[in-house]
Amino acid sequence: MPNKLPIGNLFNIETTVRSSAEVGALVRAYRKRSTLSQLDLAGLGNTGNRFIVDLESGKPTIQLQKVLDLLDLLGLEAVIRPKASRLP
């Protein structure tokens, strides 16, 4: 699946994601921005390289806690909030 995220929005303060592919694209962008290889990130995150490959390719069945741990490692965090269209 091609990356549908606008390149200019990758490093904004907030980016809304709605799919595992979008999360993977962001992780890849931040990893590359940090000049880390997939193997580097796997080692720092105490996980296998296959997990990083699966995450970055948008595998939908990936382990959530590992994703959250890697986001933290990259200096990112997940925020859950109501959609603006659902607010009163």
PDB file of N, CA and C in Angstrom:
ATOM      1  N   MET A   1       0.843  -1.186   0.000  1.00  0.00           N
ATOM      2  CA  MET A   1       0.000   0.000   0.000  1.00  0.00           C
ATOM      3  C   MET A   1       0.883   1.243   0.000  1.00  0.00           C
ATOM      4  N   PRO A   2       0.693   2.167  -0.914  1.00  0.00           N
ATOM      5  CA  PRO A   2       1.528   3.353  -0.964  1.00  0.00           C
ATOM      6  C   PRO A   2       1.269   4.269   0.213  1.00  0.00           C
ATOM      7  N   ASN A   3       2.297   5.007   0.603  1.00  0.00           N
ATOM      8  CA  ASN A   3       2.182   5.960   1.686  1.00  0.00           C
ATOM      9  C   ASN A   3       1.311   7.120   1.228  1.00  0.00           C
ATOM     10  N   LYS A   4       0.197   7.363   1.912  1.00  0.00           N
ATOM     11  CA  LYS A   4      -0.702   8.442   1.538  1.00  0.00           C
ATOM     12  C   LYS A   4      -0.524   9.662   2.421  1.00  0.00           C
ATOM     13  N   LEU A   5       0.480   9.647   3.303  1.00  0.00           N
ATOM     14  CA  LEU A   5       0.712  10.789   4.166  1.00  0.00           C
ATOM     15  C   LEU A   5       1.428  11.879   3.389  1.00  0.00           C
ATOM     16  N   PRO A   6       0.967  13.109   3.486  1.00  0.00           N
ATOM     17  CA  PRO A   6       1.703  14.185   2.831  1.00  0.00           C
ATOM     18  C   PRO A   6       3.071  14.333   3.474  1.00  0.00           C
ATOM     19  N   ILE A   7       4.107  14.412   2.682  1.00  0.00           N
ATOM     20  CA  ILE A   7       5.466  14.480   3.200  1.00  0.00           C
ATOM     21  C   ILE A   7       5.626  15.660   4.147  1.00  0.00           C
ATOM     22  N   GLY A   8       5.020  16.782   3.880  1.00  0.00           N
ATOM     23  CA  GLY A   8       5.156  17.956   4.729  1.00  0.00           C
ATOM     24  C   GLY A   8       4.588  17.773   6.122  1.00  0.00           C
ATOM     25  N   ASN A   9       3.697  16.830   6.315  1.00  0.00           N
ATOM     26  CA  ASN A   9       3.063  16.636   7.613  1.00  0.00           C
ATOM     27  C   ASN A   9       3.762  15.608   8.491  1.00  0.00           C
ATOM     28  N   LEU A  10       4.798  14.963   7.996  1.00  0.00           N
ATOM     29  CA  LEU A  10       5.421  13.894   8.766  1.00  0.00           C
ATOM     30  C   LEU A  10       6.009  14.369  10.081  1.00  0.00           C
ATOM     31  N   PHE A  11       6.495  15.589  10.154  1.00  0.00           N
ATOM     32  CA  PHE A  11       7.187  16.036  11.350  1.00  0.00           C
ATOM     33  C   PHE A  11       6.468  17.177  12.057  1.00  0.00           C
ATOM     34  N   ASN A  12       5.179  17.354  11.793  1.00  0.00           N
ATOM     35  CA  ASN A  12       4.392  18.321  12.538  1.00  0.00           C
ATOM     36  C   ASN A  12       4.239  17.851  13.969  1.00  0.00           C
ATOM     37  N   ILE A  13       3.755  18.719  14.801  1.00  0.00           N
ATOM     38  CA  ILE A  13       3.565  18.379  16.207  1.00  0.00           C
ATOM     39  C   ILE A  13       2.600  17.209  16.347  1.00  0.00           C
ATOM     40  N   GLU A  14       1.523  17.221  15.569  1.00  0.00           N
ATOM     41  CA  GLU A  14       0.546  16.129  15.621  1.00  0.00           C
ATOM     42  C   GLU A  14       0.246  15.646  14.212  1.00  0.00           C
ATOM     43  N   THR A  15       0.064  14.349  14.085  1.00  0.00           N
ATOM     44  CA  THR A  15      -0.348  13.747  12.829  1.00  0.00           C
ATOM     45  C   THR A  15      -1.419  12.721  13.142  1.00  0.00           C
ATOM     46  N   THR A  16      -2.549  12.818  12.491  1.00  0.00           N
ATOM     47  CA  THR A  16      -3.632  11.860  12.686  1.00  0.00           C
ATOM     48  C   THR A  16      -3.382  10.644  11.806  1.00  0.00           C
ATOM     49  N   VAL A  17      -3.478   9.465  12.407  1.00  0.00           N
ATOM     50  CA  VAL A  17      -3.328   8.222  11.645  1.00  0.00           C
ATOM     51  C   VAL A  17      -4.589   7.390  11.813  1.00  0.00           C
ATOM     52  N   ARG A  18      -4.928   6.687  10.752  1.00  0.00           N
ATOM     53  CA  ARG A  18      -6.139   5.869  10.776  1.00  0.00           C
ATOM     54  C   ARG A  18      -5.891   4.440  10.300  1.00  0.00           C
ATOM     55  N   SER A  19      -4.623   4.096  10.121  1.00  0.00           N
ATOM     56  CA  SER A  19      -4.337   2.735   9.671  1.00  0.00           C
ATOM     57  C   SER A  19      -2.961   2.307  10.154  1.00  0.00           C
ATOM     58  N   SER A  20      -2.758   1.014  10.183  1.00  0.00           N
ATOM     59  CA  SER A  20      -1.448   0.489  10.564  1.00  0.00           C
ATOM     60  C   SER A  20      -0.383   0.893   9.539  1.00  0.00           C
ATOM     61  N   ALA A  21      -0.781   1.052   8.279  1.00  0.00           N
ATOM     62  CA  ALA A  21       0.164   1.484   7.248  1.00  0.00           C
ATOM     63  C   ALA A  21       0.654   2.903   7.523  1.00  0.00           C
ATOM     64  N   GLU A  22      -0.227   3.769   7.989  1.00  0.00           N
ATOM     65  CA  GLU A  22       0.169   5.140   8.316  1.00  0.00           C
ATOM     66  C   GLU A  22       1.088   5.175   9.533  1.00  0.00           C
ATOM     67  N   VAL A  23       0.814   4.348  10.534  1.00  0.00           N
ATOM     68  CA  VAL A  23       1.703   4.254  11.695  1.00  0.00           C
ATOM     69  C   VAL A  23       3.079   3.778  11.230  1.00  0.00           C
ATOM     70  N   GLY A  24       3.101   2.757  10.397  1.00  0.00           N
ATOM     71  CA  GLY A  24       4.359   2.225   9.890  1.00  0.00           C
ATOM     72  C   GLY A  24       5.155   3.261   9.114  1.00  0.00           C
ATOM     73  N   ALA A  25       4.463   4.060   8.298  1.00  0.00           N
ATOM     74  CA  ALA A  25       5.138   5.098   7.520  1.00  0.00           C
ATOM     75  C   ALA A  25       5.749   6.157   8.438  1.00  0.00           C
ATOM     76  N   LEU A  26       5.044   6.504   9.487  1.00  0.00           N
ATOM     77  CA  LEU A  26       5.579   7.475  10.441  1.00  0.00           C
ATOM     78  C   LEU A  26       6.785   6.923  11.185  1.00  0.00           C
ATOM     79  N   VAL A  27       6.694   5.676  11.623  1.00  0.00           N
ATOM     80  CA  VAL A  27       7.822   5.051  12.313  1.00  0.00           C
ATOM     81  C   VAL A  27       9.042   5.030  11.391  1.00  0.00           C
ATOM     82  N   ARG A  28       8.834   4.640  10.143  1.00  0.00           N
ATOM     83  CA  ARG A  28       9.935   4.607   9.177  1.00  0.00           C
ATOM     84  C   ARG A  28      10.551   6.000   9.019  1.00  0.00           C
ATOM     85  N   ALA A  29       9.704   7.016   8.873  1.00  0.00           N
ATOM     86  CA  ALA A  29      10.199   8.380   8.684  1.00  0.00           C
ATOM     87  C   ALA A  29      10.994   8.856   9.894  1.00  0.00           C
ATOM     88  N   TYR A  30      10.491   8.609  11.086  1.00  0.00           N
ATOM     89  CA  TYR A  30      11.202   9.035  12.288  1.00  0.00           C
ATOM     90  C   TYR A  30      12.477   8.222  12.504  1.00  0.00           C
ATOM     91  N   ARG A  31      12.433   6.940  12.152  1.00  0.00           N
ATOM     92  CA  ARG A  31      13.647   6.116  12.261  1.00  0.00           C
ATOM     93  C   ARG A  31      14.730   6.671  11.341  1.00  0.00           C
ATOM     94  N   LYS A  32      14.350   6.949  10.099  1.00  0.00           N
ATOM     95  CA  LYS A  32      15.320   7.482   9.139  1.00  0.00           C
ATOM     96  C   LYS A  32      15.797   8.859   9.556  1.00  0.00           C
ATOM     97  N   ARG A  33      14.901   9.675  10.076  1.00  0.00           N
ATOM     98  CA  ARG A  33      15.279  11.001  10.564  1.00  0.00           C
ATOM     99  C   ARG A  33      16.316  10.891  11.681  1.00  0.00           C
ATOM    100  N   SER A  34      16.214   9.829  12.462  1.00  0.00           N
ATOM    101  CA  SER A  34      17.167   9.579  13.551  1.00  0.00           C
ATOM    102  C   SER A  34      18.416   8.868  13.058  1.00  0.00           C
ATOM    103  N   THR A  35      18.523   8.665  11.768  1.00  0.00           N
ATOM    104  CA  THR A  35      19.636   7.970  11.105  1.00  0.00           C
ATOM    105  C   THR A  35      19.887   6.583  11.690  1.00  0.00           C
ATOM    106  N   LEU A  36      18.801   5.881  11.981  1.00  0.00           N
ATOM    107  CA  LEU A  36      18.887   4.504  12.485  1.00  0.00           C
ATOM    108  C   LEU A  36      18.496   3.539  11.372  1.00  0.00           C
ATOM    109  N   SER A  37      19.173   2.413  11.310  1.00  0.00           N
ATOM    110  CA  SER A  37      18.746   1.351  10.405  1.00  0.00           C
ATOM    111  C   SER A  37      17.649   0.556  11.117  1.00  0.00           C
ATOM    112  N   GLN A  38      16.983  -0.303  10.369  1.00  0.00           N
ATOM    113  CA  GLN A  38      15.993  -1.173  10.997  1.00  0.00           C
ATOM    114  C   GLN A  38      16.650  -2.055  12.052  1.00  0.00           C
ATOM    115  N   LEU A  39      17.850  -2.550  11.764  1.00  0.00           N
ATOM    116  CA  LEU A  39      18.578  -3.374  12.740  1.00  0.00           C
ATOM    117  C   LEU A  39      18.936  -2.577  13.991  1.00  0.00           C
ATOM    118  N   ASP A  40      19.332  -1.316  13.812  1.00  0.00           N
ATOM    119  CA  ASP A  40      19.630  -0.456  14.965  1.00  0.00           C
ATOM    120  C   ASP A  40      18.405  -0.314  15.864  1.00  0.00           C
ATOM    121  N   LEU A  41      17.267   0.007  15.254  1.00  0.00           N
ATOM    122  CA  LEU A  41      16.039   0.198  16.026  1.00  0.00           C
ATOM    123  C   LEU A  41      15.613  -1.092  16.712  1.00  0.00           C
ATOM    124  N   ALA A  42      15.756  -2.202  16.014  1.00  0.00           N
ATOM    125  CA  ALA A  42      15.417  -3.495  16.615  1.00  0.00           C
ATOM    126  C   ALA A  42      16.287  -3.754  17.846  1.00  0.00           C
ATOM    127  N   GLY A  43      17.578  -3.467  17.746  1.00  0.00           N
ATOM    128  CA  GLY A  43      18.475  -3.665  18.877  1.00  0.00           C
ATOM    129  C   GLY A  43      18.148  -2.744  20.037  1.00  0.00           C
ATOM    130  N   LEU A  44      17.917  -1.471  19.751  1.00  0.00           N
ATOM    131  CA  LEU A  44      17.575  -0.513  20.798  1.00  0.00           C
ATOM    132  C   LEU A  44      16.239  -0.841  21.451  1.00  0.00           C
ATOM    133  N   GLY A  45      15.322  -1.367  20.644  1.00  0.00           N
ATOM    134  CA  GLY A  45      13.989  -1.705  21.147  1.00  0.00           C
ATOM    135  C   GLY A  45      13.879  -3.104  21.700  1.00  0.00           C
ATOM    136  N   ASN A  46      15.007  -3.824  21.717  1.00  0.00           N
ATOM    137  CA  ASN A  46      15.027  -5.195  22.240  1.00  0.00           C
ATOM    138  C   ASN A  46      13.973  -6.070  21.564  1.00  0.00           C
ATOM    139  N   THR A  47      13.922  -5.966  20.243  1.00  0.00           N
ATOM    140  CA  THR A  47      12.987  -6.762  19.457  1.00  0.00           C
ATOM    141  C   THR A  47      13.718  -7.280  18.224  1.00  0.00           C
ATOM    142  N   GLY A  48      13.082  -8.099  17.471  1.00  0.00           N
ATOM    143  CA  GLY A  48      13.698  -8.636  16.261  1.00  0.00           C
ATOM    144  C   GLY A  48      13.538  -7.695  15.079  1.00  0.00           C
ATOM    145  N   ASN A  49      14.429  -7.825  14.121  1.00  0.00           N
ATOM    146  CA  ASN A  49      14.346  -7.020  12.908  1.00  0.00           C
ATOM    147  C   ASN A  49      13.035  -7.276  12.161  1.00  0.00           C
ATOM    148  N   ARG A  50      12.553  -8.514  12.200  1.00  0.00           N
ATOM    149  CA  ARG A  50      11.299  -8.849  11.511  1.00  0.00           C
ATOM    150  C   ARG A  50      10.142  -8.001  12.038  1.00  0.00           C
ATOM    151  N   PHE A  51      10.139  -7.728  13.346  1.00  0.00           N
ATOM    152  CA  PHE A  51       9.083  -6.895  13.926  1.00  0.00           C
ATOM    153  C   PHE A  51       9.128  -5.490  13.322  1.00  0.00           C
ATOM    154  N   ILE A  52      10.320  -4.928  13.177  1.00  0.00           N
ATOM    155  CA  ILE A  52      10.464  -3.590  12.606  1.00  0.00           C
ATOM    156  C   ILE A  52       9.991  -3.580  11.157  1.00  0.00           C
ATOM    157  N   VAL A  53      10.378  -4.596  10.411  1.00  0.00           N
ATOM    158  CA  VAL A  53       9.943  -4.712   9.007  1.00  0.00           C
ATOM    159  C   VAL A  53       8.420  -4.790   8.938  1.00  0.00           C
ATOM    160  N   ASP A  54       7.821  -5.631   9.776  1.00  0.00           N
ATOM    161  CA  ASP A  54       6.358  -5.776   9.786  1.00  0.00           C
ATOM    162  C   ASP A  54       5.672  -4.476  10.186  1.00  0.00           C
ATOM    163  N   LEU A  55       6.198  -3.802  11.199  1.00  0.00           N
ATOM    164  CA  LEU A  55       5.622  -2.534  11.654  1.00  0.00           C
ATOM    165  C   LEU A  55       5.662  -1.504  10.540  1.00  0.00           C
ATOM    166  N   GLU A  56       6.819  -1.335   9.933  1.00  0.00           N
ATOM    167  CA  GLU A  56       6.969  -0.327   8.890  1.00  0.00           C
ATOM    168  C   GLU A  56       6.176  -0.652   7.632  1.00  0.00           C
ATOM    169  N   SER A  57       5.874  -1.914   7.413  1.00  0.00           N
ATOM    170  CA  SER A  57       5.078  -2.277   6.236  1.00  0.00           C
ATOM    171  C   SER A  57       3.578  -2.230   6.527  1.00  0.00           C
ATOM    172  N   GLY A  58       3.206  -1.913   7.784  1.00  0.00           N
ATOM    173  CA  GLY A  58       1.798  -1.737   8.116  1.00  0.00           C
ATOM    174  C   GLY A  58       1.053  -3.003   8.464  1.00  0.00           C
ATOM    175  N   LYS A  59       1.758  -4.033   8.902  1.00  0.00           N
ATOM    176  CA  LYS A  59       1.081  -5.277   9.275  1.00  0.00           C
ATOM    177  C   LYS A  59       0.043  -4.982  10.356  1.00  0.00           C
ATOM    178  N   PRO A  60      -1.228  -5.304  10.116  1.00  0.00           N
ATOM    179  CA  PRO A  60      -2.285  -4.919  11.048  1.00  0.00           C
ATOM    180  C   PRO A  60      -2.361  -5.750  12.335  1.00  0.00           C
ATOM    181  N   THR A  61      -1.701  -6.884  12.382  1.00  0.00           N
ATOM    182  CA  THR A  61      -1.812  -7.753  13.559  1.00  0.00           C
ATOM    183  C   THR A  61      -0.602  -7.656  14.481  1.00  0.00           C
ATOM    184  N   ILE A  62       0.144  -6.596  14.387  1.00  0.00           N
ATOM    185  CA  ILE A  62       1.365  -6.420  15.169  1.00  0.00           C
ATOM    186  C   ILE A  62       1.024  -6.147  16.644  1.00  0.00           C
ATOM    187  N   GLN A  63       1.935  -6.471  17.541  1.00  0.00           N
ATOM    188  CA  GLN A  63       1.698  -6.327  18.981  1.00  0.00           C
ATOM    189  C   GLN A  63       1.704  -4.862  19.398  1.00  0.00           C
ATOM    190  N   LEU A  64       0.594  -4.413  19.957  1.00  0.00           N
ATOM    191  CA  LEU A  64       0.420  -3.012  20.307  1.00  0.00           C
ATOM    192  C   LEU A  64       1.453  -2.519  21.315  1.00  0.00           C
ATOM    193  N   GLN A  65       1.722  -3.278  22.368  1.00  0.00           N
ATOM    194  CA  GLN A  65       2.664  -2.808  23.384  1.00  0.00           C
ATOM    195  C   GLN A  65       4.064  -2.591  22.801  1.00  0.00           C
ATOM    196  N   LYS A  66       4.472  -3.471  21.907  1.00  0.00           N
ATOM    197  CA  LYS A  66       5.776  -3.289  21.265  1.00  0.00           C
ATOM    198  C   LYS A  66       5.787  -2.026  20.410  1.00  0.00           C
ATOM    199  N   VAL A  67       4.682  -1.753  19.737  1.00  0.00           N
ATOM    200  CA  VAL A  67       4.585  -0.535  18.935  1.00  0.00           C
ATOM    201  C   VAL A  67       4.700   0.688  19.845  1.00  0.00           C
ATOM    202  N   LEU A  68       3.969   0.679  20.954  1.00  0.00           N
ATOM    203  CA  LEU A  68       4.022   1.796  21.892  1.00  0.00           C
ATOM    204  C   LEU A  68       5.421   1.976  22.459  1.00  0.00           C
ATOM    205  N   ASP A  69       6.096   0.883  22.747  1.00  0.00           N
ATOM    206  CA  ASP A  69       7.469   0.954  23.255  1.00  0.00           C
ATOM    207  C   ASP A  69       8.409   1.580  22.220  1.00  0.00           C
ATOM    208  N   LEU A  70       8.239   1.200  20.951  1.00  0.00           N
ATOM    209  CA  LEU A  70       9.093   1.757  19.897  1.00  0.00           C
ATOM    210  C   LEU A  70       8.777   3.224  19.633  1.00  0.00           C
ATOM    211  N   LEU A  71       7.496   3.591  19.713  1.00  0.00           N
ATOM    212  CA  LEU A  71       7.140   4.999  19.575  1.00  0.00           C
ATOM    213  C   LEU A  71       7.838   5.816  20.656  1.00  0.00           C
ATOM    214  N   ASP A  72       7.807   5.311  21.877  1.00  0.00           N
ATOM    215  CA  ASP A  72       8.466   5.991  22.989  1.00  0.00           C
ATOM    216  C   ASP A  72       9.968   6.115  22.731  1.00  0.00           C
ATOM    217  N   LEU A  73      10.555   5.062  22.257  1.00  0.00           N
ATOM    218  CA  LEU A  73      11.985   5.049  21.955  1.00  0.00           C
ATOM    219  C   LEU A  73      12.350   6.113  20.912  1.00  0.00           C
ATOM    220  N   LEU A  74      11.445   6.341  19.961  1.00  0.00           N
ATOM    221  CA  LEU A  74      11.663   7.338  18.918  1.00  0.00           C
ATOM    222  C   LEU A  74      11.248   8.749  19.357  1.00  0.00           C
ATOM    223  N   GLY A  75      10.792   8.872  20.597  1.00  0.00           N
ATOM    224  CA  GLY A  75      10.378  10.182  21.100  1.00  0.00           C
ATOM    225  C   GLY A  75       8.968  10.562  20.694  1.00  0.00           C
ATOM    226  N   LEU A  76       8.152   9.563  20.405  1.00  0.00           N
ATOM    227  CA  LEU A  76       6.770   9.783  19.983  1.00  0.00           C
ATOM    228  C   LEU A  76       5.821   9.220  21.033  1.00  0.00           C
ATOM    229  N   GLU A  77       4.559   9.616  20.966  1.00  0.00           N
ATOM    230  CA  GLU A  77       3.548   9.046  21.849  1.00  0.00           C
ATOM    231  C   GLU A  77       2.223   8.969  21.109  1.00  0.00           C
ATOM    232  N   ALA A  78       1.403   8.035  21.513  1.00  0.00           N
ATOM    233  CA  ALA A  78       0.063   7.896  20.948  1.00  0.00           C
ATOM    234  C   ALA A  78      -0.910   8.639  21.862  1.00  0.00           C
ATOM    235  N   VAL A  79      -1.803   9.402  21.258  1.00  0.00           N
ATOM    236  CA  VAL A  79      -2.819  10.142  22.003  1.00  0.00           C
ATOM    237  C   VAL A  79      -4.174   9.712  21.468  1.00  0.00           C
ATOM    238  N   ILE A  80      -5.064   9.308  22.368  1.00  0.00           N
ATOM    239  CA  ILE A  80      -6.415   8.901  21.970  1.00  0.00           C
ATOM    240  C   ILE A  80      -7.366  10.017  22.378  1.00  0.00           C
ATOM    241  N   ARG A  81      -8.151  10.488  21.423  1.00  0.00           N
ATOM    242  CA  ARG A  81      -9.110  11.549  21.726  1.00  0.00           C
ATOM    243  C   ARG A  81     -10.322  11.390  20.803  1.00  0.00           C
ATOM    244  N   PRO A  82     -11.446  11.968  21.187  1.00  0.00           N
ATOM    245  CA  PRO A  82     -12.615  11.892  20.296  1.00  0.00           C
ATOM    246  C   PRO A  82     -12.338  12.641  18.991  1.00  0.00           C
ATOM    247  N   LYS A  83     -12.906  12.147  17.915  1.00  0.00           N
ATOM    248  CA  LYS A  83     -12.796  12.834  16.635  1.00  0.00           C
ATOM    249  C   LYS A  83     -13.463  14.214  16.763  1.00  0.00           C
ATOM    250  N   ALA A  84     -12.902  15.176  16.099  1.00  0.00           N
ATOM    251  CA  ALA A  84     -13.481  16.527  16.144  1.00  0.00           C
ATOM    252  C   ALA A  84     -14.923  16.528  15.671  1.00  0.00           C
ATOM    253  N   SER A  85     -15.250  15.681  14.711  1.00  0.00           N
ATOM    254  CA  SER A  85     -16.627  15.627  14.177  1.00  0.00           C
ATOM    255  C   SER A  85     -17.593  15.014  15.175  1.00  0.00           C
ATOM    256  N   ARG A  86     -17.097  14.355  16.214  1.00  0.00           N
ATOM    257  CA  ARG A  86     -17.950  13.719  17.217  1.00  0.00           C
ATOM    258  C   ARG A  86     -18.135  14.552  18.479  1.00  0.00           C
ATOM    259  N   LEU A  87     -17.422  15.668  18.555  1.00  0.00           N
ATOM    260  CA  LEU A  87     -17.519  16.509  19.738  1.00  0.00           C
ATOM    261  C   LEU A  87     -18.825  17.300  19.698  1.00  0.00           C
ATOM    262  N   PRO A  88     -19.417  17.555  20.883  1.00  0.00           N
ATOM    263  CA  PRO A  88     -20.688  18.320  20.921  1.00  0.00           C
ATOM    264  C   PRO A  88     -20.511  19.742  20.459  1.00  0.00           C
TER     265      PRO A  88
END
